Amino acid sequence: MIKVEHLTKVYPDGTKALDDVSTTIPDGQFVVGIGLSGAGKSTFMRCLNRLIEPTSGKVIIDGVDITAANPRELRRARLKIGMIFQSFNLVRRSSVLTNVLNGRLGYLDTFSTMFGRFPAAERERALRNLQRVGIAEKAWNRADALSGGQQQRVAIARALMQEPRLMLADEPVASLDPATSHSVMQYLEQINKEEGITVLCNLHFLSLARRYADRVLAFKAGRIVFDGTPHEIDDDRFRAIYGEDAVQVEIGIGGT
């Protein structure tokens, strides 16, 4: 379970990205964060694993106060928190298999992995995770030889190497075409439904949220302005989140 209590983030230039945010996310939910760029959803996500340091407030994950954790405790907590980025964050010149194995670094001897020496069992684990996302045949390709959708699937496989209890996905389909977006979202849905991994995913498109989310958190000016099911977001709520001139037109995405 994730418990967020009075979370606030003020950047050095005075921008208040989060303003007294509190919420609870039970285990196993698929939660989608929506809102305009700069609304606070990415800052919220990155405060959960302290990629961004909160100014005040608490984040408690599975009973561990992440905001108060010392470096060793934080490293241990992060082992169970997978992270998927919009830009994939792969080592582009390395093989797909090596990129996936990098998700296991926190569990292995640092000296051996510096020289690319991974136990056979970990290589088998990496290949299984590539099989899960449908690209085991690309294991020996360079990462930069893959399409954007394939690279994002590599990123998912890498995150799965951590055996996470929580998966954070920050705009994972923003740079992908509609069909590929659904493909990537279906893999996230699969690990959520089949393995009970909690997923928190930031998205631009409400149609994708309606298709995949159990719950939506809508951010505006650093606050959560809506917390409920995606189908509760009618035209009035949509305008409250995105502005009075916004309309629910999502060209090329499809879905309801």
C-alpha atoms as a PDB file:
ATOM      1  CA  MET A   1       0.000   0.000   0.000  1.00  0.00           C
ATOM      2  CA  ILE A   2       1.084   3.546  -0.775  1.00  0.00           C
ATOM      3  CA  LYS A   3       0.161   6.278   1.691  1.00  0.00           C
ATOM      4  CA  VAL A   4       0.910   9.878   0.760  1.00  0.00           C
ATOM      5  CA  GLU A   5       0.440  12.475   3.474  1.00  0.00           C
ATOM      6  CA  HIS A   6       0.520  16.239   2.856  1.00  0.00           C
ATOM      7  CA  LEU A   7       3.123  15.944   0.099  1.00  0.00           C
ATOM      8  CA  THR A   8       4.507  19.300  -1.051  1.00  0.00           C
ATOM      9  CA  LYS A   9       7.261  20.137  -3.516  1.00  0.00           C
ATOM     10  CA  VAL A  10       8.549  23.663  -4.080  1.00  0.00           C
ATOM     11  CA  TYR A  11      11.338  24.052  -6.629  1.00  0.00           C
ATOM     12  CA  PRO A  12      14.220  26.517  -6.071  1.00  0.00           C
ATOM     13  CA  ASP A  13      12.618  29.049  -8.437  1.00  0.00           C
ATOM     14  CA  GLY A  14       9.552  29.145  -6.191  1.00  0.00           C
ATOM     15  CA  THR A  15       7.310  26.937  -8.356  1.00  0.00           C
ATOM     16  CA  LYS A  16       4.981  24.899  -6.160  1.00  0.00           C
ATOM     17  CA  ALA A  17       4.682  21.642  -8.135  1.00  0.00           C
ATOM     18  CA  LEU A  18       2.788  19.798  -5.389  1.00  0.00           C
ATOM     19  CA  ASP A  19       0.545  21.486  -2.873  1.00  0.00           C
ATOM     20  CA  ASP A  20      -0.415  19.418   0.191  1.00  0.00           C
ATOM     21  CA  VAL A  21      -1.290  16.201  -1.678  1.00  0.00           C
ATOM     22  CA  SER A  22      -2.664  13.255   0.295  1.00  0.00           C
ATOM     23  CA  THR A  23      -3.935   9.950  -1.062  1.00  0.00           C
ATOM     24  CA  THR A  24      -3.824   6.185  -0.521  1.00  0.00           C
ATOM     25  CA  ILE A  25      -3.291   3.572  -3.236  1.00  0.00           C
ATOM     26  CA  PRO A  26      -4.117  -0.019  -2.232  1.00  0.00           C
ATOM     27  CA  ASP A  27      -2.061  -2.935  -3.486  1.00  0.00           C
ATOM     28  CA  GLY A  28      -2.948  -4.178  -6.951  1.00  0.00           C
ATOM     29  CA  GLN A  29      -4.662  -1.075  -8.341  1.00  0.00           C
ATOM     30  CA  PHE A  30      -4.016   0.273 -11.830  1.00  0.00           C
ATOM     31  CA  VAL A  31      -3.986   4.039 -11.269  1.00  0.00           C
ATOM     32  CA  VAL A  32      -3.606   6.606 -14.037  1.00  0.00           C
ATOM     33  CA  GLY A  33      -2.501  10.181 -13.408  1.00  0.00           C
ATOM     34  CA  ILE A  34      -3.806  12.793 -15.839  1.00  0.00           C
ATOM     35  CA  GLY A  35      -3.589  16.563 -16.180  1.00  0.00           C
ATOM     36  CA  LEU A  36      -1.959  19.286 -18.213  1.00  0.00           C
ATOM     37  CA  SER A  37       1.811  19.499 -18.519  1.00  0.00           C
ATOM     38  CA  GLY A  38       3.093  21.109 -15.339  1.00  0.00           C
ATOM     39  CA  ALA A  39       0.058  20.020 -13.308  1.00  0.00           C
ATOM     40  CA  GLY A  40       2.244  18.024 -10.904  1.00  0.00           C
ATOM     41  CA  LYS A  41       1.668  14.425 -11.935  1.00  0.00           C
ATOM     42  CA  SER A  42       5.296  13.663 -12.897  1.00  0.00           C
ATOM     43  CA  THR A  43       6.626  15.364  -9.770  1.00  0.00           C
ATOM     44  CA  PHE A  44       4.174  13.318  -7.692  1.00  0.00           C
ATOM     45  CA  MET A  45       5.366  10.072  -9.267  1.00  0.00           C
ATOM     46  CA  ARG A  46       9.051  10.886  -8.870  1.00  0.00           C
ATOM     47  CA  CYS A  47       8.573  11.856  -5.235  1.00  0.00           C
ATOM     48  CA  LEU A  48       7.281   8.340  -4.553  1.00  0.00           C
ATOM     49  CA  ASN A  49      10.748   6.853  -5.113  1.00  0.00           C
ATOM     50  CA  ARG A  50      12.614  10.072  -4.267  1.00  0.00           C
ATOM     51  CA  LEU A  51      13.999  10.705  -7.715  1.00  0.00           C
ATOM     52  CA  ILE A  52      12.735  14.136  -6.676  1.00  0.00           C
ATOM     53  CA  GLU A  53      13.100  15.119  -3.032  1.00  0.00           C
ATOM     54  CA  PRO A  54       9.828  16.391  -1.535  1.00  0.00           C
ATOM     55  CA  THR A  55       9.885  19.674   0.335  1.00  0.00           C
ATOM     56  CA  SER A  56       7.610  18.307   3.030  1.00  0.00           C
ATOM     57  CA  GLY A  57       5.131  15.513   3.694  1.00  0.00           C
ATOM     58  CA  LYS A  58       5.441  11.739   3.804  1.00  0.00           C
ATOM     59  CA  VAL A  59       5.446   8.836   1.357  1.00  0.00           C
ATOM     60  CA  ILE A  60       4.965   5.454   3.024  1.00  0.00           C
ATOM     61  CA  ILE A  61       5.202   2.332   0.847  1.00  0.00           C
ATOM     62  CA  ASP A  62       4.537  -1.062   2.422  1.00  0.00           C
ATOM     63  CA  GLY A  63       5.125   0.445   5.834  1.00  0.00           C
ATOM     64  CA  VAL A  64       8.469   2.067   4.922  1.00  0.00           C
ATOM     65  CA  ASP A  65       8.682   5.849   5.210  1.00  0.00           C
ATOM     66  CA  ILE A  66      10.452   6.585   1.932  1.00  0.00           C
ATOM     67  CA  THR A  67      10.830  10.263   2.758  1.00  0.00           C
ATOM     68  CA  ALA A  68      12.759   9.485   5.962  1.00  0.00           C
ATOM     69  CA  ALA A  69      14.822   6.567   4.603  1.00  0.00           C
ATOM     70  CA  ASN A  70      18.604   6.737   4.771  1.00  0.00           C
ATOM     71  CA  PRO A  71      20.583   5.890   1.590  1.00  0.00           C
ATOM     72  CA  ARG A  72      20.790   2.162   2.356  1.00  0.00           C
ATOM     73  CA  GLU A  73      17.099   1.915   3.248  1.00  0.00           C
ATOM     74  CA  LEU A  74      16.176   3.880   0.122  1.00  0.00           C
ATOM     75  CA  ARG A  75      18.221   1.557  -2.118  1.00  0.00           C
ATOM     76  CA  ARG A  76      16.487  -1.435  -0.566  1.00  0.00           C
ATOM     77  CA  ALA A  77      13.038   0.119  -1.037  1.00  0.00           C
ATOM     78  CA  ARG A  78      13.771   1.048  -4.667  1.00  0.00           C
ATOM     79  CA  LEU A  79      14.524  -2.582  -5.502  1.00  0.00           C
ATOM     80  CA  LYS A  80      10.785  -3.218  -5.362  1.00  0.00           C
ATOM     81  CA  ILE A  81       9.808  -0.083  -7.322  1.00  0.00           C
ATOM     82  CA  GLY A  82      10.129  -0.414 -11.097  1.00  0.00           C
ATOM     83  CA  MET A  83      10.332   2.750 -13.205  1.00  0.00           C
ATOM     84  CA  ILE A  84       9.494   3.205 -16.889  1.00  0.00           C
ATOM     85  CA  PHE A  85      10.288   6.498 -18.610  1.00  0.00           C
ATOM     86  CA  GLN A  86       8.918   8.241 -21.685  1.00  0.00           C
ATOM     87  CA  SER A  87      12.403   8.302 -23.234  1.00  0.00           C
ATOM     88  CA  PHE A  88      13.041   4.583 -22.451  1.00  0.00           C
ATOM     89  CA  ASN A  89      16.390   5.338 -20.702  1.00  0.00           C
ATOM     90  CA  LEU A  90      18.190   2.407 -22.344  1.00  0.00           C
ATOM     91  CA  VAL A  91      21.914   2.112 -22.962  1.00  0.00           C
ATOM     92  CA  ARG A  92      21.466   2.484 -26.686  1.00  0.00           C
ATOM     93  CA  ARG A  93      24.739   0.892 -27.803  1.00  0.00           C
ATOM     94  CA  SER A  94      24.340  -2.150 -25.561  1.00  0.00           C
ATOM     95  CA  SER A  95      22.392  -5.264 -26.448  1.00  0.00           C
ATOM     96  CA  VAL A  96      18.777  -5.682 -25.484  1.00  0.00           C
ATOM     97  CA  LEU A  97      19.761  -8.526 -23.132  1.00  0.00           C
ATOM     98  CA  THR A  98      22.355  -6.382 -21.343  1.00  0.00           C
ATOM     99  CA  ASN A  99      19.818  -3.597 -20.888  1.00  0.00           C
ATOM    100  CA  VAL A 100      17.375  -6.020 -19.303  1.00  0.00           C
ATOM    101  CA  LEU A 101      20.075  -7.505 -17.067  1.00  0.00           C
ATOM    102  CA  ASN A 102      20.813  -3.986 -15.802  1.00  0.00           C
ATOM    103  CA  GLY A 103      17.478  -4.149 -13.987  1.00  0.00           C
ATOM    104  CA  ARG A 104      19.046  -6.753 -11.703  1.00  0.00           C
ATOM    105  CA  LEU A 105      22.089  -4.714 -10.673  1.00  0.00           C
ATOM    106  CA  GLY A 106      20.777  -3.991  -7.193  1.00  0.00           C
ATOM    107  CA  TYR A 107      20.761  -7.705  -6.397  1.00  0.00           C
ATOM    108  CA  LEU A 108      24.188  -8.680  -7.779  1.00  0.00           C
ATOM    109  CA  ASP A 109      27.890  -8.273  -7.042  1.00  0.00           C
ATOM    110  CA  THR A 110      28.970  -4.892  -8.384  1.00  0.00           C
ATOM    111  CA  PHE A 111      32.474  -5.953  -9.446  1.00  0.00           C
ATOM    112  CA  SER A 112      31.263  -8.781 -11.693  1.00  0.00           C
ATOM    113  CA  THR A 113      28.528  -6.763 -13.359  1.00  0.00           C
ATOM    114  CA  MET A 114      30.975  -3.933 -14.163  1.00  0.00           C
ATOM    115  CA  PHE A 115      32.598  -6.361 -16.609  1.00  0.00           C
ATOM    116  CA  GLY A 116      29.311  -7.687 -17.950  1.00  0.00           C
ATOM    117  CA  ARG A 117      29.511 -10.980 -16.051  1.00  0.00           C
ATOM    118  CA  PHE A 118      26.034 -12.076 -15.051  1.00  0.00           C
ATOM    119  CA  PRO A 119      25.118 -15.491 -13.619  1.00  0.00           C
ATOM    120  CA  ALA A 120      23.451 -17.930 -16.015  1.00  0.00           C
ATOM    121  CA  ALA A 121      20.302 -17.882 -13.887  1.00  0.00           C
ATOM    122  CA  GLU A 122      20.005 -14.111 -14.342  1.00  0.00           C
ATOM    123  CA  ARG A 123      20.464 -14.394 -18.105  1.00  0.00           C
ATOM    124  CA  GLU A 124      17.673 -16.969 -18.151  1.00  0.00           C
ATOM    125  CA  ARG A 125      15.520 -14.629 -16.066  1.00  0.00           C
ATOM    126  CA  ALA A 126      16.176 -11.789 -18.531  1.00  0.00           C
ATOM    127  CA  LEU A 127      15.234 -13.959 -21.507  1.00  0.00           C
ATOM    128  CA  ARG A 128      12.017 -15.003 -19.765  1.00  0.00           C
ATOM    129  CA  ASN A 129      11.089 -11.378 -19.191  1.00  0.00           C
ATOM    130  CA  LEU A 130      11.821 -10.538 -22.825  1.00  0.00           C
ATOM    131  CA  GLN A 131       9.584 -13.450 -23.775  1.00  0.00           C
ATOM    132  CA  ARG A 132       6.832 -11.986 -21.583  1.00  0.00           C
ATOM    133  CA  VAL A 133       6.876  -8.761 -23.577  1.00  0.00           C
ATOM    134  CA  GLY A 134       7.132 -10.548 -26.897  1.00  0.00           C
ATOM    135  CA  ILE A 135      10.655  -9.686 -28.081  1.00  0.00           C
ATOM    136  CA  ALA A 136      12.921 -12.525 -26.931  1.00  0.00           C
ATOM    137  CA  GLU A 137      14.178 -12.825 -30.518  1.00  0.00           C
ATOM    138  CA  LYS A 138      15.683  -9.309 -30.197  1.00  0.00           C
ATOM    139  CA  ALA A 139      17.888 -10.208 -27.208  1.00  0.00           C
ATOM    140  CA  TRP A 140      21.176  -9.839 -29.114  1.00  0.00           C
ATOM    141  CA  ASN A 141      20.223  -6.736 -31.089  1.00  0.00           C
ATOM    142  CA  ARG A 142      21.544  -3.331 -30.090  1.00  0.00           C
ATOM    143  CA  ALA A 143      18.902  -1.334 -28.273  1.00  0.00           C
ATOM    144  CA  ASP A 144      19.099   1.529 -30.762  1.00  0.00           C
ATOM    145  CA  ALA A 145      18.198  -0.859 -33.604  1.00  0.00           C
ATOM    146  CA  LEU A 146      14.697  -1.311 -32.182  1.00  0.00           C
ATOM    147  CA  SER A 147      11.558   0.707 -32.803  1.00  0.00           C
ATOM    148  CA  GLY A 148      10.207   2.986 -30.084  1.00  0.00           C
ATOM    149  CA  GLY A 149       7.561   0.470 -29.050  1.00  0.00           C
ATOM    150  CA  GLN A 150      10.115  -2.323 -28.871  1.00  0.00           C
ATOM    151  CA  GLN A 151      12.449  -0.162 -26.775  1.00  0.00           C
ATOM    152  CA  GLN A 152       9.643   0.533 -24.341  1.00  0.00           C
ATOM    153  CA  ARG A 153       9.003  -3.204 -24.046  1.00  0.00           C
ATOM    154  CA  VAL A 154      12.701  -3.662 -23.240  1.00  0.00           C
ATOM    155  CA  ALA A 155      12.255  -1.042 -20.510  1.00  0.00           C
ATOM    156  CA  ILE A 156       9.310  -2.996 -19.092  1.00  0.00           C
ATOM    157  CA  ALA A 157      11.337  -6.224 -19.120  1.00  0.00           C
ATOM    158  CA  ARG A 158      14.186  -4.407 -17.363  1.00  0.00           C
ATOM    159  CA  ALA A 159      11.816  -3.157 -14.658  1.00  0.00           C
ATOM    160  CA  LEU A 160      10.397  -6.671 -14.224  1.00  0.00           C
ATOM    161  CA  MET A 161      13.905  -7.918 -13.400  1.00  0.00           C
ATOM    162  CA  GLN A 162      13.542  -6.100 -10.081  1.00  0.00           C
ATOM    163  CA  GLU A 163      10.548  -8.290  -9.186  1.00  0.00           C
ATOM    164  CA  PRO A 164       8.717  -5.082  -8.269  1.00  0.00           C
ATOM    165  CA  ARG A 165       5.647  -4.679  -6.119  1.00  0.00           C
ATOM    166  CA  LEU A 166       5.049  -1.224  -7.619  1.00  0.00           C
ATOM    167  CA  MET A 167       5.520  -0.114 -11.238  1.00  0.00           C
ATOM    168  CA  LEU A 168       5.797   3.609 -12.003  1.00  0.00           C
ATOM    169  CA  ALA A 169       5.356   4.571 -15.666  1.00  0.00           C
ATOM    170  CA  ASP A 170       5.809   8.254 -16.502  1.00  0.00           C
ATOM    171  CA  GLU A 171       4.211   8.989 -19.900  1.00  0.00           C
ATOM    172  CA  PRO A 172       5.342   5.597 -21.259  1.00  0.00           C
ATOM    173  CA  VAL A 173       3.444   5.969 -24.566  1.00  0.00           C
ATOM    174  CA  ALA A 174       3.771   9.710 -25.224  1.00  0.00           C
ATOM    175  CA  SER A 175       6.199   9.226 -28.122  1.00  0.00           C
ATOM    176  CA  LEU A 176       4.449   6.189 -29.634  1.00  0.00           C
ATOM    177  CA  ASP A 177       1.802   5.791 -32.319  1.00  0.00           C
ATOM    178  CA  PRO A 178      -1.747   4.769 -31.277  1.00  0.00           C
ATOM    179  CA  ALA A 179      -1.463   1.047 -32.064  1.00  0.00           C
ATOM    180  CA  THR A 180       1.906   0.734 -30.338  1.00  0.00           C
ATOM    181  CA  SER A 181       0.571   2.708 -27.369  1.00  0.00           C
ATOM    182  CA  HIS A 182      -2.134   0.123 -26.813  1.00  0.00           C
ATOM    183  CA  SER A 183       0.411  -2.687 -27.148  1.00  0.00           C
ATOM    184  CA  VAL A 184       2.605  -1.209 -24.405  1.00  0.00           C
ATOM    185  CA  MET A 185      -0.386  -0.479 -22.176  1.00  0.00           C
ATOM    186  CA  GLN A 186      -1.586  -4.062 -22.566  1.00  0.00           C
ATOM    187  CA  TYR A 187       1.712  -5.353 -21.173  1.00  0.00           C
ATOM    188  CA  LEU A 188       1.311  -3.076 -18.149  1.00  0.00           C
ATOM    189  CA  GLU A 189      -2.274  -4.273 -17.760  1.00  0.00           C
ATOM    190  CA  GLN A 190      -1.131  -7.885 -17.963  1.00  0.00           C
ATOM    191  CA  ILE A 191       1.422  -7.618 -15.170  1.00  0.00           C
ATOM    192  CA  ASN A 192      -1.110  -5.729 -13.063  1.00  0.00           C
ATOM    193  CA  LYS A 193      -3.934  -8.233 -13.482  1.00  0.00           C
ATOM    194  CA  GLU A 194      -1.914 -11.467 -13.570  1.00  0.00           C
ATOM    195  CA  GLU A 195       0.705 -10.685 -10.929  1.00  0.00           C
ATOM    196  CA  GLY A 196      -1.038  -8.117  -8.757  1.00  0.00           C
ATOM    197  CA  ILE A 197       1.697  -5.511  -9.292  1.00  0.00           C
ATOM    198  CA  THR A 198       0.432  -2.034  -8.443  1.00  0.00           C
ATOM    199  CA  VAL A 199       0.750   0.258 -11.466  1.00  0.00           C
ATOM    200  CA  LEU A 200       0.805   4.055 -11.395  1.00  0.00           C
ATOM    201  CA  CYS A 201       0.923   5.397 -14.955  1.00  0.00           C
ATOM    202  CA  ASN A 202       0.850   9.019 -16.133  1.00  0.00           C
ATOM    203  CA  LEU A 203      -0.965   9.546 -19.442  1.00  0.00           C
ATOM    204  CA  HIS A 204      -2.030  12.428 -21.659  1.00  0.00           C
ATOM    205  CA  PHE A 205      -5.025  10.728 -23.233  1.00  0.00           C
ATOM    206  CA  LEU A 206      -8.233  10.177 -21.300  1.00  0.00           C
ATOM    207  CA  SER A 207      -9.312   7.455 -23.749  1.00  0.00           C
ATOM    208  CA  LEU A 208      -6.335   5.331 -22.648  1.00  0.00           C
ATOM    209  CA  ALA A 209      -7.168   5.999 -19.002  1.00  0.00           C
ATOM    210  CA  ARG A 210     -10.744   4.860 -19.618  1.00  0.00           C
ATOM    211  CA  ARG A 211      -9.521   1.667 -21.244  1.00  0.00           C
ATOM    212  CA  TYR A 212      -6.892   0.613 -18.702  1.00  0.00           C
ATOM    213  CA  ALA A 213      -7.339   2.370 -15.357  1.00  0.00           C
ATOM    214  CA  ASP A 214      -9.165   1.167 -12.275  1.00  0.00           C
ATOM    215  CA  ARG A 215      -8.823   4.668 -10.879  1.00  0.00           C
ATOM    216  CA  VAL A 216      -7.822   8.126 -12.087  1.00  0.00           C
ATOM    217  CA  LEU A 217      -6.001  10.844 -10.164  1.00  0.00           C
ATOM    218  CA  ALA A 218      -6.343  14.178 -11.967  1.00  0.00           C
ATOM    219  CA  PHE A 219      -3.798  16.881 -11.118  1.00  0.00           C
ATOM    220  CA  LYS A 220      -4.173  20.621 -11.558  1.00  0.00           C
ATOM    221  CA  ALA A 221      -1.850  23.286 -10.153  1.00  0.00           C
ATOM    222  CA  GLY A 222      -0.181  20.763  -7.872  1.00  0.00           C
ATOM    223  CA  ARG A 223      -3.364  19.410  -6.331  1.00  0.00           C
ATOM    224  CA  ILE A 224      -5.510  16.342  -6.904  1.00  0.00           C
ATOM    225  CA  VAL A 225      -8.771  17.748  -8.261  1.00  0.00           C
ATOM    226  CA  PHE A 226     -10.409  14.421  -9.103  1.00  0.00           C
ATOM    227  CA  ASP A 227     -10.053  10.935  -7.628  1.00  0.00           C
ATOM    228  CA  GLY A 228     -12.389   8.290  -8.974  1.00  0.00           C
ATOM    229  CA  THR A 229     -13.159   5.921 -11.811  1.00  0.00           C
ATOM    230  CA  PRO A 230     -12.348   7.089 -15.349  1.00  0.00           C
ATOM    231  CA  HIS A 231     -15.972   6.773 -16.454  1.00  0.00           C
ATOM    232  CA  GLU A 232     -16.999   9.390 -13.887  1.00  0.00           C
ATOM    233  CA  ILE A 233     -15.127  12.065 -15.876  1.00  0.00           C
ATOM    234  CA  ASP A 234     -17.917  13.746 -17.802  1.00  0.00           C
ATOM    235  CA  ASP A 235     -17.598  16.945 -19.861  1.00  0.00           C
ATOM    236  CA  ASP A 236     -17.857  19.208 -16.809  1.00  0.00           C
ATOM    237  CA  ARG A 237     -15.157  17.339 -14.897  1.00  0.00           C
ATOM    238  CA  PHE A 238     -12.994  17.223 -18.031  1.00  0.00           C
ATOM    239  CA  ARG A 239     -13.150  21.023 -18.343  1.00  0.00           C
ATOM    240  CA  ALA A 240     -12.424  21.415 -14.624  1.00  0.00           C
ATOM    241  CA  ILE A 241      -9.241  19.396 -15.106  1.00  0.00           C
ATOM    242  CA  TYR A 242      -8.063  20.725 -18.469  1.00  0.00           C
ATOM    243  CA  GLY A 243      -9.654  24.185 -18.653  1.00  0.00           C
ATOM    244  CA  GLU A 244     -12.907  25.695 -19.873  1.00  0.00           C
ATOM    245  CA  ASP A 245     -11.879  25.634 -23.538  1.00  0.00           C
ATOM    246  CA  ALA A 246     -10.871  21.970 -23.519  1.00  0.00           C
ATOM    247  CA  VAL A 247     -12.905  19.420 -25.460  1.00  0.00           C
ATOM    248  CA  GLN A 248     -12.724  15.647 -25.341  1.00  0.00           C
ATOM    249  CA  VAL A 249     -11.299  15.107 -28.809  1.00  0.00           C
ATOM    250  CA  GLU A 250      -8.401  12.647 -28.995  1.00  0.00           C
ATOM    251  CA  ILE A 251      -7.518  12.209 -32.655  1.00  0.00           C
ATOM    252  CA  GLY A 252      -5.970   8.908 -33.620  1.00  0.00           C
ATOM    253  CA  ILE A 253      -6.178   7.177 -30.270  1.00  0.00           C
ATOM    254  CA  GLY A 254      -9.549   5.521 -30.498  1.00  0.00           C
ATOM    255  CA  GLY A 255     -11.296   3.740 -27.660  1.00  0.00           C
ATOM    256  CA  THR A 256     -13.982   5.043 -25.351  1.00  0.00           C
END
